[in-house]
Amino acid sequence: MTTSTQSVVLISTDREQSEWLQSLLEGTASVVQCQQKDLNDVLQLINLAAASIVFVPLAKDGWLAEVQFIEGLMAARPTLACIALSDSLDQDRLLSAMRAGAKDFVTFTSRASEMAGLVRRLSERTPAVIDSPMAQGSLMVMASERPVMQSAFHALHLAASLAKDNPSAKVLLLDLGQPFAEAQQIFGLEGQFSFMDTLRNLRRLDQTLVDTAFPRHKSGVRVLSAPIEGMDLSEITTSEMFLLVGTLRSLFTHMVVNVCGLPTLDVIELLIGNANQVIFTVDQSITSCRAGLDFVARLKGIGVPIANPMVLIDHYHPRISPDSKAIARSFGMDQFVELPVAADVRLRAMNIGQLLFELAPQDPLTKKYREWAHMLDKAGVGSQKKMVATPGLLDKLKAGLKGT
């Protein structure tokens, strides 16, 4: 996978501007698009992206407000290198931006070589930034566009296994998949905050809020769920998701995220593109495997980075074709996990809200959960790992989650 050595931030709600800048900086830097306008939110995102260069477009109308924003940004963070963008070489905008503290003024007609050279020169002149919080806790994402029965059940078992294997770890299950809040309901976890509540309280998100508002399973895993009534992902910006996940990664050593059954929107691409491990979840049916293959092909087609991919094959029957090796081969992935049917023990565990580690520690399904967690630890995914922003996904706010 192609990675970049640095990230730059673009303050804009216009995706075309983000795609334009990313195309010019391909191989030089990744573009983190910030749709926020509040200065504190922008500064927080810059910190999470570990960026030293910020691009601020100046619209033909209303550009004075953008110049004032540059002035406030430079007053709050004098070491930043701010580049003003414009549709034309307008002298009034140029002089005002430079007086406000911008390091340079470029137009949307700039060539890739010019922009890449400018970014390289400014990077050499700006102070080195510390590692992004996005580089801290590891992130594992279970993904499937088709709903997966019991995906939350599997995710909590993985999270609990990681917590047991790493006694000093702080493990979070972010359960966003369908059906919504399944882990919370199965295991009787009552939380004051849902995922959407946490987004609305980003500025308050710290260890105290986690300890008081995130329900804690007896395995030690904290659980943050989607609202039981559901949510509209299109209302969430990639900036908000970037800020949330970056903050959570600074608070937890391990994050298991379940997004099974969710459509492939920008915020889902952001999660997948920044994961230390992506676990594509299917069952053994041909229709499920085809849907999974289409999903992977679509992610690759739009440039979403996929790190350490693995196929999770649920309700696996070893005597029925296709077998696990054939399925993994079709996905082009070396790693796969088979979860046996074990219908009776699954049902008992869910009905009484108990993990299989307690209910049936020697059951084949229980052993598979342990093997799965051990595979991640052995690969270095289940422990903290430095990651970098990558082109393509970061433009949607792309990158960030990858243990960057």
Protein backbone atom coordinates (compact mmCIF):
# COMPACT_ATOMS: atom_id res chain seq x y z
CA MET A 1 0.00 0.00 0.00
CA THR A 2 1.26 3.45 -0.87
CA THR A 3 1.81 5.73 2.06
CA SER A 4 2.76 9.37 2.43
CA THR A 5 5.20 10.89 4.87
CA GLN A 6 2.96 13.77 5.91
CA SER A 7 -0.54 15.15 5.94
CA VAL A 8 -1.82 18.59 5.02
CA VAL A 9 -5.21 20.01 6.01
CA LEU A 10 -7.68 21.66 3.63
CA ILE A 11 -10.34 23.85 5.26
CA SER A 12 -13.21 23.35 2.85
CA THR A 13 -16.61 21.70 2.47
CA ASP A 14 -16.08 21.24 -1.27
CA ARG A 15 -15.09 17.69 -2.15
CA GLU A 16 -13.95 18.72 -5.63
CA GLN A 17 -11.36 21.01 -4.06
CA SER A 18 -10.16 18.15 -1.90
CA GLU A 19 -9.89 15.79 -4.87
CA TRP A 20 -8.07 18.45 -6.89
CA LEU A 21 -5.51 19.07 -4.16
CA GLN A 22 -5.04 15.36 -3.50
CA SER A 23 -4.38 14.72 -7.19
CA LEU A 24 -1.70 17.41 -7.21
CA LEU A 25 -0.03 16.13 -4.04
CA GLU A 26 -0.23 12.43 -4.85
CA GLY A 27 2.96 10.83 -3.54
CA THR A 28 3.92 14.00 -1.65
CA ALA A 29 1.28 14.37 1.06
CA SER A 30 -2.18 13.23 2.05
CA VAL A 31 -5.01 15.73 2.20
CA VAL A 32 -7.20 15.80 5.29
CA GLN A 33 -10.35 17.70 4.42
CA CYS A 34 -11.76 19.68 7.33
CA GLN A 35 -15.41 20.65 6.95
CA GLN A 36 -15.48 22.33 10.36
CA LYS A 37 -15.50 26.12 10.65
CA ASP A 38 -15.01 26.55 14.39
CA LEU A 39 -11.40 27.46 15.09
CA ASN A 40 -11.08 25.12 18.07
CA ASP A 41 -12.39 22.19 16.02
CA VAL A 42 -9.99 23.02 13.20
CA LEU A 43 -7.03 23.16 15.57
CA GLN A 44 -8.02 19.84 17.10
CA LEU A 45 -8.18 18.21 13.68
CA ILE A 46 -4.80 19.68 12.74
CA ASN A 47 -3.36 18.13 15.90
CA LEU A 48 -4.89 14.75 15.12
CA ALA A 49 -3.59 14.84 11.56
CA ALA A 50 -0.14 15.92 12.80
CA ALA A 51 -0.15 18.52 10.02
CA SER A 52 2.11 21.56 9.70
CA ILE A 53 0.57 22.92 6.48
CA VAL A 54 -2.99 24.19 6.06
CA PHE A 55 -4.76 25.26 2.87
CA VAL A 56 -7.55 27.86 3.10
CA PRO A 57 -9.59 28.64 -0.04
CA LEU A 58 -10.68 32.27 -0.52
CA ALA A 59 -14.03 32.42 -2.30
CA LYS A 60 -14.78 35.15 -4.80
CA ASP A 61 -17.55 36.37 -2.50
CA GLY A 62 -17.09 36.52 1.25
CA TRP A 63 -13.32 36.10 1.15
CA LEU A 64 -12.79 38.67 3.90
CA ALA A 65 -14.21 36.19 6.42
CA GLU A 66 -11.68 33.60 5.24
CA VAL A 67 -8.85 36.10 5.63
CA GLN A 68 -10.02 36.76 9.20
CA PHE A 69 -10.01 33.01 9.76
CA ILE A 70 -6.39 32.82 8.56
CA GLU A 71 -5.49 35.61 10.95
CA GLY A 72 -7.11 33.79 13.87
CA LEU A 73 -5.51 30.50 12.88
CA MET A 74 -2.02 32.02 12.72
CA ALA A 75 -2.53 33.81 16.02
CA ALA A 76 -3.47 30.52 17.66
CA ARG A 77 -0.75 28.47 15.95
CA PRO A 78 2.10 30.68 14.66
CA THR A 79 4.21 27.68 13.60
CA LEU A 80 1.67 26.57 10.98
CA ALA A 81 2.32 27.23 7.32
CA CYS A 82 -0.91 28.55 5.81
CA ILE A 83 -1.43 28.57 2.03
CA ALA A 84 -4.28 30.61 0.59
CA LEU A 85 -6.11 29.18 -2.45
CA SER A 86 -7.99 31.28 -4.99
CA ASP A 87 -9.68 30.90 -8.37
CA SER A 88 -7.64 33.80 -9.71
CA LEU A 89 -4.58 35.87 -8.93
CA ASP A 90 -6.61 38.61 -7.28
CA GLN A 91 -4.35 41.28 -5.80
CA ASP A 92 -6.74 42.27 -3.01
CA ARG A 93 -7.11 38.68 -1.84
CA LEU A 94 -3.38 38.02 -2.21
CA LEU A 95 -2.27 41.03 -0.17
CA SER A 96 -4.93 40.50 2.51
CA ALA A 97 -4.05 36.82 2.91
CA MET A 98 -0.32 37.51 3.17
CA ARG A 99 -0.91 40.29 5.70
CA ALA A 100 -3.05 37.88 7.74
CA GLY A 101 -0.11 35.50 7.95
CA ALA A 102 -0.39 33.17 4.94
CA LYS A 103 2.97 31.85 3.75
CA ASP A 104 1.91 31.67 0.10
CA PHE A 105 -0.95 32.31 -2.31
CA VAL A 106 -1.72 29.88 -5.13
CA THR A 107 -4.52 29.45 -7.64
CA PHE A 108 -6.50 26.41 -8.70
CA THR A 109 -4.60 26.49 -12.00
CA SER A 110 -1.33 25.52 -10.28
CA ARG A 111 0.55 22.55 -11.70
CA ALA A 112 1.24 19.42 -9.67
CA SER A 113 5.01 20.00 -9.73
CA GLU A 114 4.57 23.55 -8.41
CA MET A 115 2.26 22.49 -5.58
CA ALA A 116 4.37 19.50 -4.58
CA GLY A 117 7.50 21.66 -4.56
CA LEU A 118 5.79 24.29 -2.43
CA VAL A 119 4.66 21.71 0.12
CA ARG A 120 8.13 20.19 0.29
CA ARG A 121 9.78 23.58 0.81
CA LEU A 122 7.34 24.62 3.52
CA SER A 123 7.68 21.26 5.25
CA GLU A 124 11.41 21.79 5.53
CA ARG A 125 10.90 25.20 7.11
CA THR A 126 8.18 24.38 9.63
CA PRO A 127 8.92 22.76 13.00
CA ALA A 128 8.52 19.01 13.18
CA VAL A 129 5.17 17.91 14.60
CA ILE A 130 4.73 15.23 17.20
CA ASP A 131 3.11 11.94 16.29
CA SER A 132 -0.60 12.16 15.71
CA PRO A 133 -2.96 10.64 18.28
CA MET A 134 -4.18 8.66 15.28
CA ALA A 135 -0.91 6.76 15.55
CA GLN A 136 -1.69 5.47 19.01
CA GLY A 137 -4.35 2.84 19.69
CA SER A 138 -4.72 0.08 17.09
CA LEU A 139 -7.90 -0.13 15.06
CA MET A 140 -9.61 -3.30 13.80
CA VAL A 141 -12.66 -2.91 11.58
CA MET A 142 -15.21 -5.64 10.83
CA ALA A 143 -16.90 -4.65 7.57
CA SER A 144 -19.61 -5.90 5.24
CA GLU A 145 -22.23 -4.04 3.25
CA ARG A 146 -24.67 -6.91 3.78
CA PRO A 147 -26.04 -7.34 7.30
CA VAL A 148 -24.19 -10.10 9.17
CA MET A 149 -26.07 -12.03 11.81
CA GLN A 150 -24.37 -11.76 15.20
CA SER A 151 -21.57 -9.46 14.00
CA ALA A 152 -21.73 -7.55 17.31
CA PHE A 153 -21.54 -10.86 19.19
CA HIS A 154 -18.36 -11.74 17.31
CA ALA A 155 -16.90 -8.26 17.77
CA LEU A 156 -17.34 -8.30 21.54
CA HIS A 157 -15.72 -11.74 21.77
CA LEU A 158 -12.75 -10.42 19.78
CA ALA A 159 -12.50 -7.36 22.00
CA ALA A 160 -12.75 -9.47 25.17
CA SER A 161 -10.03 -11.82 23.88
CA LEU A 162 -7.73 -8.87 23.23
CA ALA A 163 -8.41 -7.52 26.72
CA LYS A 164 -7.57 -10.89 28.28
CA ASP A 165 -4.41 -11.34 26.21
CA ASN A 166 -3.24 -7.81 27.04
CA PRO A 167 -4.00 -7.20 30.74
CA SER A 168 -2.83 -3.58 30.65
CA ALA A 169 -4.84 -2.79 27.52
CA LYS A 170 -7.74 -0.37 27.31
CA VAL A 171 -10.15 -1.92 24.81
CA LEU A 172 -13.16 -0.28 23.16
CA LEU A 173 -15.88 -1.89 21.07
CA LEU A 174 -17.43 0.69 18.75
CA ASP A 175 -20.60 -1.12 17.70
CA LEU A 176 -22.13 0.72 14.75
CA GLY A 177 -23.32 -2.21 12.63
CA GLN A 178 -26.83 -3.48 12.09
CA PRO A 179 -28.89 -4.40 13.96
CA PHE A 180 -28.07 -1.26 15.91
CA ALA A 181 -26.84 -1.53 19.52
CA GLU A 182 -26.97 -5.32 19.41
CA ALA A 183 -24.02 -5.88 21.75
CA GLN A 184 -25.48 -3.43 24.24
CA GLN A 185 -28.84 -5.19 24.22
CA ILE A 186 -27.55 -8.77 24.29
CA PHE A 187 -25.24 -8.15 27.21
CA GLY A 188 -27.50 -5.77 29.13
CA LEU A 189 -25.16 -2.78 28.93
CA GLU A 190 -26.79 0.50 29.85
CA GLY A 191 -24.90 3.55 28.65
CA GLN A 192 -25.65 7.22 29.08
CA PHE A 193 -24.00 8.06 25.78
CA SER A 194 -24.59 6.63 22.33
CA PHE A 195 -22.22 7.10 19.42
CA MET A 196 -24.24 10.12 18.23
CA ASP A 197 -24.20 11.65 21.73
CA THR A 198 -20.43 11.32 21.77
CA LEU A 199 -20.16 13.09 18.40
CA ARG A 200 -22.19 15.97 19.81
CA ASN A 201 -19.86 16.18 22.80
CA LEU A 202 -16.49 15.92 21.07
CA ARG A 203 -14.99 18.78 23.06
CA ARG A 204 -15.86 17.02 26.33
CA LEU A 205 -14.50 13.65 25.26
CA ASP A 206 -11.80 12.64 27.72
CA GLN A 207 -11.00 9.78 30.08
CA THR A 208 -13.47 11.04 32.67
CA LEU A 209 -16.33 10.99 30.17
CA VAL A 210 -15.31 7.51 29.01
CA ASP A 211 -15.25 6.22 32.60
CA THR A 212 -18.61 7.71 33.50
CA ALA A 213 -20.63 7.42 30.28
CA PHE A 214 -19.31 4.43 28.29
CA PRO A 215 -20.77 1.14 29.60
CA ARG A 216 -18.20 -1.40 30.71
CA HIS A 217 -18.61 -5.10 30.07
CA LYS A 218 -17.33 -7.37 32.84
CA SER A 219 -14.51 -8.47 30.53
CA GLY A 220 -13.15 -4.93 30.90
CA VAL A 221 -14.19 -3.84 27.42
CA ARG A 222 -15.86 -0.45 27.08
CA VAL A 223 -18.73 -0.37 24.59
CA LEU A 224 -19.93 2.61 22.56
CA SER A 225 -23.02 1.78 20.49
CA ALA A 226 -25.11 3.35 17.79
CA PRO A 227 -28.47 4.57 19.08
CA ILE A 228 -30.99 1.75 19.37
CA GLU A 229 -33.38 3.70 17.13
CA GLY A 230 -30.69 3.94 14.44
CA MET A 231 -28.84 6.85 12.87
CA ASP A 232 -28.34 8.62 9.57
CA LEU A 233 -24.70 8.28 8.62
CA SER A 234 -25.04 10.92 5.92
CA GLU A 235 -25.41 13.50 8.69
CA ILE A 236 -21.90 12.74 9.97
CA THR A 237 -19.00 14.53 8.31
CA THR A 238 -15.63 12.91 7.79
CA SER A 239 -14.13 15.71 9.89
CA GLU A 240 -16.33 14.74 12.84
CA MET A 241 -15.48 11.07 12.42
CA PHE A 242 -11.79 11.88 12.13
CA LEU A 243 -11.89 13.93 15.30
CA LEU A 244 -13.87 11.30 17.19
CA VAL A 245 -11.78 8.32 16.22
CA GLY A 246 -8.52 10.20 16.69
CA THR A 247 -9.57 11.15 20.21
CA LEU A 248 -10.70 7.61 21.00
CA ARG A 249 -7.40 6.22 19.75
CA SER A 250 -5.60 8.46 22.18
CA LEU A 251 -7.76 7.06 25.01
CA PHE A 252 -7.73 3.35 24.11
CA THR A 253 -4.95 0.97 23.15
CA HIS A 254 -7.27 -1.24 21.08
CA MET A 255 -10.45 -0.41 19.15
CA VAL A 256 -12.68 -3.02 17.55
CA VAL A 257 -15.22 -1.41 15.22
CA ASN A 258 -18.25 -3.22 13.82
CA VAL A 259 -19.71 -1.57 10.71
CA CYS A 260 -21.33 -4.67 9.20
CA GLY A 261 -24.51 -3.92 7.31
CA LEU A 262 -23.73 -0.23 6.77
CA PRO A 263 -23.59 1.41 3.32
CA THR A 264 -20.23 2.45 1.92
CA LEU A 265 -20.31 6.16 2.70
CA ASP A 266 -17.36 8.50 3.24
CA VAL A 267 -17.26 7.96 7.00
CA ILE A 268 -17.15 4.16 6.55
CA GLU A 269 -14.38 4.50 3.98
CA LEU A 270 -12.53 6.66 6.50
CA LEU A 271 -12.73 3.94 9.15
CA ILE A 272 -11.67 1.17 6.77
CA GLY A 273 -8.90 3.21 5.19
CA ASN A 274 -7.30 3.95 8.54
CA ALA A 275 -7.60 0.54 10.16
CA ASN A 276 -4.62 -1.55 11.20
CA GLN A 277 -6.66 -4.60 10.18
CA VAL A 278 -9.78 -4.91 8.03
CA ILE A 279 -11.90 -8.00 8.59
CA PHE A 280 -14.30 -8.69 5.73
CA THR A 281 -17.17 -10.71 7.12
CA VAL A 282 -19.11 -13.21 5.01
CA ASP A 283 -20.90 -16.51 5.38
CA GLN A 284 -20.29 -19.55 3.22
CA SER A 285 -23.04 -18.85 0.70
CA ILE A 286 -22.15 -17.87 -2.85
CA THR A 287 -24.33 -14.75 -2.64
CA SER A 288 -22.58 -13.54 0.51
CA CYS A 289 -19.14 -14.17 -0.98
CA ARG A 290 -20.06 -12.38 -4.20
CA ALA A 291 -21.35 -9.40 -2.25
CA GLY A 292 -18.13 -9.36 -0.24
CA LEU A 293 -15.99 -9.48 -3.38
CA ASP A 294 -17.98 -6.62 -4.92
CA PHE A 295 -17.51 -4.63 -1.71
CA VAL A 296 -13.74 -5.13 -1.72
CA ALA A 297 -13.52 -4.30 -5.44
CA ARG A 298 -15.50 -1.09 -4.91
CA LEU A 299 -13.23 0.01 -2.05
CA LYS A 300 -10.13 -0.64 -4.13
CA GLY A 301 -11.68 1.10 -7.12
CA ILE A 302 -12.12 4.35 -5.21
CA GLY A 303 -8.65 4.16 -3.67
CA VAL A 304 -9.46 3.17 -0.09
CA PRO A 305 -6.34 1.66 1.54
CA ILE A 306 -6.94 -1.81 3.01
CA ALA A 307 -4.35 -2.89 5.58
CA ASN A 308 -3.81 -6.48 6.68
CA PRO A 309 -7.06 -7.76 5.16
CA MET A 310 -8.66 -10.89 6.57
CA VAL A 311 -11.78 -12.87 5.67
CA LEU A 312 -14.05 -13.94 8.53
CA ILE A 313 -16.27 -16.84 7.38
CA ASP A 314 -19.24 -17.21 9.70
CA HIS A 315 -21.43 -20.33 10.12
CA TYR A 316 -18.73 -22.42 8.45
CA HIS A 317 -19.43 -26.02 7.39
CA PRO A 318 -16.15 -27.80 6.52
CA ARG A 319 -17.92 -30.41 4.37
CA ILE A 320 -19.67 -27.91 2.13
CA SER A 321 -18.17 -26.01 -0.80
CA PRO A 322 -16.70 -23.51 -1.20
CA ASP A 323 -14.19 -24.26 1.52
CA SER A 324 -12.37 -21.58 3.50
CA LYS A 325 -9.18 -21.70 1.44
CA ALA A 326 -11.12 -21.25 -1.79
CA ILE A 327 -13.02 -18.29 -0.32
CA ALA A 328 -9.82 -16.63 0.90
CA ARG A 329 -8.20 -17.24 -2.47
CA SER A 330 -11.10 -15.59 -4.27
CA PHE A 331 -10.61 -12.52 -2.06
CA GLY A 332 -6.87 -12.58 -2.72
CA MET A 333 -6.20 -12.74 1.03
CA ASP A 334 -3.89 -15.05 2.94
CA GLN A 335 -5.55 -14.63 6.33
CA PHE A 336 -8.93 -16.15 7.15
CA VAL A 337 -10.90 -17.29 10.19
CA GLU A 338 -13.62 -19.93 10.21
CA LEU A 339 -16.37 -19.63 12.82
CA PRO A 340 -18.30 -22.92 13.17
CA VAL A 341 -22.09 -22.93 13.26
CA ALA A 342 -22.47 -23.91 16.95
CA ALA A 343 -26.10 -22.78 16.81
CA ASP A 344 -27.12 -24.09 20.23
CA VAL A 345 -24.25 -22.55 22.21
CA ARG A 346 -24.61 -19.22 20.38
CA LEU A 347 -28.30 -19.06 21.19
CA ARG A 348 -27.77 -19.93 24.86
CA ALA A 349 -25.01 -17.34 25.21
CA MET A 350 -27.10 -14.58 23.64
CA ASN A 351 -30.23 -15.45 25.60
CA ILE A 352 -28.44 -15.23 28.94
CA GLY A 353 -26.07 -12.42 27.91
CA GLN A 354 -22.88 -14.31 28.62
CA LEU A 355 -19.61 -14.65 26.74
CA LEU A 356 -18.67 -18.11 25.53
CA PHE A 357 -15.40 -17.91 27.46
CA GLU A 358 -17.48 -18.44 30.60
CA LEU A 359 -20.37 -20.48 29.24
CA ALA A 360 -18.49 -22.95 27.06
CA PRO A 361 -14.72 -22.40 27.30
CA GLN A 362 -13.90 -25.61 25.39
CA ASP A 363 -16.42 -25.21 22.61
CA PRO A 364 -14.89 -25.08 19.09
CA LEU A 365 -16.40 -21.63 18.51
CA THR A 366 -14.85 -20.31 21.72
CA LYS A 367 -11.47 -21.65 20.66
CA LYS A 368 -11.83 -19.96 17.29
CA TYR A 369 -12.42 -16.61 18.97
CA ARG A 370 -9.17 -17.07 20.93
CA GLU A 371 -7.27 -18.09 17.79
CA TRP A 372 -8.60 -15.03 16.00
CA ALA A 373 -7.32 -12.65 18.67
CA HIS A 374 -3.97 -14.48 18.79
CA MET A 375 -3.63 -14.06 15.01
CA LEU A 376 -3.98 -10.32 15.40
CA ASP A 377 -1.44 -10.18 18.22
CA LYS A 378 1.00 -12.35 16.28
CA ALA A 379 0.69 -10.03 13.27
CA GLY A 380 1.33 -7.03 15.50
CA VAL A 381 -2.15 -5.68 14.81
CA GLY A 382 -3.51 -6.24 18.27
CA SER A 383 -0.87 -3.98 19.75
CA GLN A 384 -0.08 -0.34 19.19
CA LYS A 385 1.46 0.35 15.82
CA LYS A 386 2.49 3.50 13.99
CA MET A 387 0.51 4.24 10.88
CA VAL A 388 0.47 6.94 8.27
CA ALA A 389 -2.11 8.88 6.33
CA THR A 390 -2.65 7.57 2.85
CA PRO A 391 -3.76 9.17 -0.40
CA GLY A 392 -7.27 8.68 -1.59
CA LEU A 393 -9.20 8.12 1.53
CA LEU A 394 -7.86 11.04 3.36
CA ASP A 395 -9.28 13.33 0.82
CA LYS A 396 -12.63 12.52 2.19
CA LEU A 397 -11.02 12.98 5.28
CA LYS A 398 -9.59 9.96 4.48
CA ALA A 399 -6.84 8.65 6.08
CA GLY A 400 -6.72 9.24 9.53
CA LEU A 401 -7.64 6.25 11.17
CA LYS A 402 -5.08 4.16 10.15
CA GLY A 403 -3.01 3.97 12.96
CA THR A 404 -1.47 6.70 11.20
